[in-house]
Amino acid sequence: MNNPTIKEALKEASLILNNPKEASILLRYLLNYDQVQLLLNEQKTLDQYQEYQTLIQRCKVNEPIEYITGNVSFYSRDFFIQPGALIPRPETELLVDCALEIAKTKPLRIAEIGTGSGIISVMLVLLVNKIEIVATDISSEALAVAKINAKKFGVEDKITFVQSNYLDNIYNEFDMIISNPPYIANDFELEENLSYEPQNALFGGKVGDEMLKEIIDLWIEKKSPYLLCEMGYDQKEPLTQYLINHGIKEFSFYKDLAGFDRGFIAYAGV
């Protein structure tokens, strides 16, 4: 049996996945084509048809397409990603936006806790000249991905990556601590595709906000002026009370594009 044309194979894959966009992404990844090249060559025979079928089956069993292709878009840039590092979400771009609003007004020494794929730190040094960043993660696999991304964008000399739990054994003073930590409750039933992602980057404790509270404690201990964190949509009330109980008077929350509470900014006034 002859292999189908690119157009035929794409149509078939779109029906199998019930997702023409993902079918196209997989085929462009396989052929190393952009969208225009795909259209220009759609009548050509797809010699890599069996390889394409393998990719389709991986996608069909809910393996994240980002892990399949090794690519994830963040802040309009293409970052490297692989299993072992959490796949960045679009709402985390808002955390970067908040940091930029502060960073553009003054030079900053920043600590990122739980850097994962490194996208927050990489974006900050790409967009702001006068910042120094120490980025930590407990996972060596995640740090390996972060270092690849830093090298890809030519900023590996501007970020110090450290394997550490929170900021253990790091004694620097920081103007800002930023984090997108795990904030899902341990007993929450995840969607199937999330089972492919590192679980220690998703679950934040029995309630879900335990790690966020530990980061608040650490920030107070470090006497850093600014703390910026992403959080779960239902965590505003307990975190508000926690900040108040610890004497923090200046803080605000921001919403994601869907209108859910998604993060907070706290200022220690030091």
Foldseek 3Di string as FASTA:
>chain_A
DFAAFLQVLLVVLCVLQVHSVLSVVLVCLVVVHDPVVCVVRRRHGDPCSVVSVVLSVCVNQQADSCQVSQWDDEPNDIAGDHAPFDHDDNQCNVLLVVVCVVCVVDAWEEEEEACQLVPSVLVNVVVHPRYAYEYEAQGPSRVVNNCVRCVVSVNNVRYHYDNDHGQPPPLDQTQEYEYAAAQAAPPDDDDSNCVRHDVRRHADYNRRCNVVLVNVVVCVVSVHFKYKYWYDLPCPVVVVVSCVVVPFDDKDWDAGPVGGTTIMMTGPPD
